[in-house]
Amino acid sequence: MSYNKSTMKKLIIIPAFNEEVNIERTVENIKKDAPGFDYVIINDCSTDSTRKICEEKGYRVVNLPINLGIGGAVQTGYKYALRHDYDVVVQVDGDGQHDPKYLEMMFDELCDKELDMVIGSRFIAKEGFQSSMIRRVGIIYFTKLIKLLTGVTITDPTSGLRMVNRKVIEMFVKDYPKDYPEPESVVAIIKRGCDVREIPVIMKQRQGGVSSISPFKSVYYMIKVTLAIVIEKIR
């Protein structure tokens, strides 16, 4: 597959649930540091002022009528991208952790090497926020599990900063994991012959609000995603 970078339409999906503290900063940073990208906020039935802020600021937003969770919100973004004929989609979380200054670099990597997915990894250069200890243990575990099942090393399998081409957009519109989707969806596309690479990025700590993954949920996360990855591999 060859890419004509000058004519490609690029979209940023911003999944947001109760991100009133972060959403304005996230969008304004995108406008400043990634002006070649369009964006859409997928407001996942927030109960705070996220929707009000988006509407008052005139941001492009899709307001979901019920809470779908991160997987459902991101898949809604992929459906939006396909409906509006985008060639490239990248996820930037609404919590301020992802720096949009890396998006053009990811786009160049995707196109110049004719890749299907580019992941921004905090664990290549090992700079910036490296996640909490319990999550770091989980990340190492999933890196080893994915390597065992696919032969591919993904150093940051839980990274939400992921850019994909049109082929993967179409795959994710049809089938996308609902809970904690990043590791499972990476295995799914590698299994289908897609070329996935990582580039080093620096991520920030959450700029405000509360993460949805508690220590108790981290244990559930590891068990559930392990089962999902194994099933995805063998089906």
Protein backbone atom coordinates (compact mmCIF):
# COMPACT_ATOMS: atom_id res chain seq x y z
CA MET A 1 0.00 0.00 0.00
CA SER A 2 1.37 3.41 -0.97
CA TYR A 3 0.43 6.67 0.71
CA ASN A 4 -0.03 10.14 -0.77
CA LYS A 5 0.50 12.20 2.37
CA SER A 6 -0.56 15.49 0.81
CA THR A 7 -4.12 14.33 0.09
CA MET A 8 -4.83 12.16 3.12
CA LYS A 9 -7.55 13.16 5.58
CA LYS A 10 -6.47 12.77 9.21
CA LEU A 11 -8.75 12.56 12.23
CA ILE A 12 -8.08 12.62 15.98
CA ILE A 13 -10.56 10.68 18.12
CA ILE A 14 -10.80 12.09 21.65
CA PRO A 15 -12.78 9.72 23.91
CA ALA A 16 -13.96 11.66 26.95
CA PHE A 17 -15.79 10.65 30.10
CA ASN A 18 -15.99 13.30 32.86
CA GLU A 19 -13.02 15.28 31.55
CA GLU A 20 -14.23 18.77 32.44
CA VAL A 21 -10.82 19.56 33.96
CA ASN A 22 -8.87 18.46 30.89
CA ILE A 23 -10.94 18.69 27.72
CA GLU A 24 -10.37 22.35 26.88
CA ARG A 25 -6.60 22.05 27.35
CA THR A 26 -6.54 18.87 25.27
CA VAL A 27 -8.38 20.42 22.32
CA GLU A 28 -6.47 23.69 22.38
CA ASN A 29 -3.14 21.81 22.43
CA ILE A 30 -4.29 19.82 19.40
CA LYS A 31 -5.21 22.98 17.54
CA LYS A 32 -1.80 24.45 18.34
CA ASP A 33 0.47 21.45 17.85
CA ALA A 34 -1.39 19.30 15.28
CA PRO A 35 -3.09 21.78 12.92
CA GLY A 36 -3.09 19.31 10.02
CA PHE A 37 -5.54 17.04 11.85
CA ASP A 38 -9.29 17.29 12.28
CA TYR A 39 -10.71 16.09 15.59
CA VAL A 40 -13.91 14.76 17.10
CA ILE A 41 -14.69 14.40 20.80
CA ILE A 42 -16.71 11.32 21.71
CA ASN A 43 -18.46 12.39 24.91
CA ASP A 44 -19.29 9.08 26.58
CA CYS A 45 -22.38 10.28 28.46
CA SER A 46 -20.35 12.36 30.92
CA THR A 47 -22.10 13.38 34.12
CA ASP A 48 -19.97 16.47 34.71
CA SER A 49 -19.60 19.63 32.57
CA THR A 50 -17.73 18.00 29.67
CA ARG A 51 -20.65 18.33 27.26
CA LYS A 52 -21.39 21.91 28.30
CA ILE A 53 -17.77 22.97 27.81
CA CYS A 54 -17.60 21.34 24.37
CA GLU A 55 -20.80 23.00 23.22
CA GLU A 56 -19.92 26.42 24.64
CA LYS A 57 -16.50 26.30 22.96
CA GLY A 58 -17.95 25.10 19.68
CA TYR A 59 -15.89 21.93 19.65
CA ARG A 60 -16.78 19.12 17.27
CA VAL A 61 -18.44 16.57 19.56
CA VAL A 62 -20.58 13.45 19.38
CA ASN A 63 -22.65 13.05 22.55
CA LEU A 64 -23.46 9.42 23.27
CA PRO A 65 -26.91 8.86 24.86
CA ILE A 66 -25.60 6.07 27.12
CA ASN A 67 -22.19 5.26 28.52
CA LEU A 68 -20.46 2.75 26.22
CA GLY A 69 -17.08 2.60 27.94
CA ILE A 70 -13.73 3.31 26.31
CA GLY A 71 -14.07 0.64 23.63
CA GLY A 72 -17.53 1.72 22.53
CA ALA A 73 -16.54 5.39 22.54
CA VAL A 74 -13.44 4.80 20.42
CA GLN A 75 -15.34 2.55 18.01
CA THR A 76 -17.90 5.34 17.60
CA GLY A 77 -14.98 7.53 16.56
CA TYR A 78 -13.90 4.98 13.97
CA LYS A 79 -17.43 4.84 12.60
CA TYR A 80 -17.43 8.63 12.38
CA ALA A 81 -14.09 8.48 10.52
CA LEU A 82 -15.35 5.93 8.00
CA ARG A 83 -18.59 7.83 7.41
CA HIS A 84 -16.63 11.03 6.76
CA ASP A 85 -14.03 9.31 4.56
CA TYR A 86 -10.89 9.76 6.66
CA ASP A 87 -7.72 7.92 5.65
CA VAL A 88 -5.88 8.04 8.98
CA VAL A 89 -7.17 8.01 12.55
CA VAL A 90 -5.30 8.54 15.80
CA GLN A 91 -6.63 8.29 19.34
CA VAL A 92 -5.69 11.05 21.78
CA ASP A 93 -7.13 10.57 25.25
CA GLY A 94 -9.10 13.40 26.80
CA ASP A 95 -7.12 13.38 30.06
CA GLY A 96 -4.13 15.39 28.81
CA GLN A 97 -1.57 12.54 28.91
CA HIS A 98 -0.95 12.41 25.16
CA ASP A 99 1.12 15.18 23.57
CA PRO A 100 -0.18 16.09 20.10
CA LYS A 101 3.25 17.33 19.00
CA TYR A 102 4.08 13.68 18.21
CA LEU A 103 1.22 13.20 15.75
CA GLU A 104 3.02 14.43 12.63
CA MET A 105 5.96 12.20 13.52
CA MET A 106 3.62 9.24 13.85
CA PHE A 107 1.97 10.14 10.55
CA ASP A 108 5.33 10.25 8.77
CA GLU A 109 6.25 6.87 10.26
CA LEU A 110 2.91 5.35 9.19
CA CYS A 111 3.20 6.61 5.63
CA ASP A 112 6.94 6.42 4.93
CA LYS A 113 7.15 2.80 6.15
CA GLU A 114 3.69 1.88 4.83
CA LEU A 115 2.51 0.62 8.21
CA ASP A 116 -0.96 -0.26 9.43
CA MET A 117 -0.59 1.00 13.01
CA VAL A 118 1.89 3.21 14.83
CA ILE A 119 1.88 3.20 18.64
CA GLY A 120 3.39 5.95 20.76
CA SER A 121 5.42 4.15 23.42
CA ARG A 122 6.68 5.71 26.65
CA PHE A 123 8.99 2.73 27.25
CA ILE A 124 11.44 3.06 24.35
CA ALA A 125 13.26 6.23 25.39
CA LYS A 126 11.95 5.79 28.96
CA GLU A 127 11.40 9.50 29.49
CA GLY A 128 8.50 11.31 31.09
CA PHE A 129 5.73 9.68 33.10
CA GLN A 130 6.26 5.90 33.21
CA SER A 131 2.94 4.90 34.82
CA SER A 132 2.37 3.58 38.34
CA MET A 133 4.21 0.50 39.59
CA ILE A 134 1.16 -1.78 39.50
CA ARG A 135 0.32 -0.73 35.95
CA ARG A 136 3.93 -1.08 34.89
CA VAL A 137 3.86 -4.71 36.07
CA GLY A 138 0.73 -5.26 33.99
CA ILE A 139 2.30 -3.63 30.94
CA ILE A 140 5.38 -5.86 31.14
CA TYR A 141 3.10 -8.88 31.50
CA PHE A 142 1.10 -7.99 28.38
CA THR A 143 4.27 -7.25 26.41
CA LYS A 144 5.49 -10.78 27.15
CA LEU A 145 2.09 -12.36 26.48
CA ILE A 146 1.74 -10.64 23.10
CA LYS A 147 5.30 -11.62 22.18
CA LEU A 148 4.53 -15.24 23.09
CA LEU A 149 1.32 -15.33 21.04
CA THR A 150 2.35 -13.28 18.00
CA GLY A 151 6.14 -13.06 17.94
CA VAL A 152 5.90 -9.26 17.94
CA THR A 153 7.31 -7.11 20.75
CA ILE A 154 5.03 -4.24 21.75
CA THR A 155 6.70 -2.33 24.59
CA ASP A 156 3.62 -0.26 25.44
CA PRO A 157 0.60 -2.48 24.68
CA THR A 158 -1.80 -0.40 26.80
CA SER A 159 -0.92 2.89 25.10
CA GLY A 160 -3.98 4.70 23.81
CA LEU A 161 -1.86 6.88 21.52
CA ARG A 162 -2.31 4.81 18.37
CA MET A 163 -2.53 5.81 14.71
CA VAL A 164 -4.03 3.55 12.05
CA ASN A 165 -4.64 3.52 8.31
CA ARG A 166 -7.87 3.06 6.37
CA LYS A 167 -7.62 -0.74 6.36
CA VAL A 168 -7.53 -0.87 10.15
CA ILE A 169 -10.27 1.76 10.45
CA GLU A 170 -12.54 -0.58 8.48
CA MET A 171 -11.55 -3.53 10.69
CA PHE A 172 -12.26 -1.63 13.90
CA VAL A 173 -15.63 -0.38 12.65
CA LYS A 174 -16.71 -4.02 12.33
CA ASP A 175 -15.11 -5.39 15.49
CA TYR A 176 -13.53 -3.56 18.41
CA PRO A 177 -13.13 -4.72 22.03
CA LYS A 178 -15.42 -2.97 24.50
CA ASP A 179 -13.37 -2.99 27.72
CA TYR A 180 -9.65 -2.15 27.92
CA PRO A 181 -9.32 -2.60 24.15
CA GLU A 182 -5.69 -1.74 23.41
CA PRO A 183 -3.85 -5.07 23.94
CA GLU A 184 -6.65 -7.17 22.49
CA SER A 185 -7.08 -5.03 19.37
CA VAL A 186 -3.31 -5.06 18.71
CA VAL A 187 -3.30 -8.86 18.79
CA ALA A 188 -6.34 -8.92 16.48
CA ILE A 189 -4.73 -6.87 13.73
CA ILE A 190 -1.33 -8.57 14.01
CA LYS A 191 -3.16 -11.89 13.59
CA ARG A 192 -4.66 -10.50 10.37
CA GLY A 193 -1.24 -9.69 8.95
CA CYS A 194 -1.07 -5.99 9.80
CA ASP A 195 2.28 -4.29 10.33
CA VAL A 196 2.48 -2.60 13.74
CA ARG A 197 5.43 -0.49 14.92
CA GLU A 198 6.16 1.82 17.85
CA ILE A 199 7.91 5.17 18.14
CA PRO A 200 9.21 6.76 21.34
CA VAL A 201 7.04 9.46 22.90
CA ILE A 202 6.92 11.28 26.21
CA MET A 203 3.62 11.10 28.07
CA LYS A 204 2.42 13.25 30.92
CA GLN A 205 0.64 12.36 34.10
CA ARG A 206 -3.13 12.77 34.01
CA GLN A 207 -3.67 16.53 34.15
CA GLY A 208 -6.73 16.29 36.41
CA GLY A 209 -9.72 14.11 37.22
CA VAL A 210 -9.63 10.47 38.27
CA SER A 211 -8.56 7.40 36.31
CA SER A 212 -11.24 4.76 35.78
CA ILE A 213 -8.81 1.93 36.61
CA SER A 214 -8.42 1.35 40.36
CA PRO A 215 -5.98 -1.20 41.88
CA PHE A 216 -8.85 -3.69 42.21
CA LYS A 217 -9.87 -3.11 38.60
CA SER A 218 -6.24 -3.63 37.53
CA VAL A 219 -6.46 -7.28 38.66
CA TYR A 220 -9.77 -7.73 36.83
CA TYR A 221 -8.22 -6.01 33.82
CA MET A 222 -5.30 -8.43 33.63
CA ILE A 223 -7.50 -11.52 33.93
CA LYS A 224 -10.13 -10.32 31.46
CA VAL A 225 -7.68 -9.07 28.85
CA THR A 226 -5.55 -12.21 29.11
CA LEU A 227 -8.57 -14.37 28.33
CA ALA A 228 -9.64 -12.04 25.52
CA ILE A 229 -6.17 -12.05 23.93
CA VAL A 230 -5.89 -15.85 24.06
CA ILE A 231 -9.37 -16.27 22.58
CA GLU A 232 -8.59 -13.71 19.86
CA LYS A 233 -5.43 -15.58 18.98
CA ILE A 234 -7.09 -18.98 18.62
CA ARG A 235 -10.41 -18.06 17.03
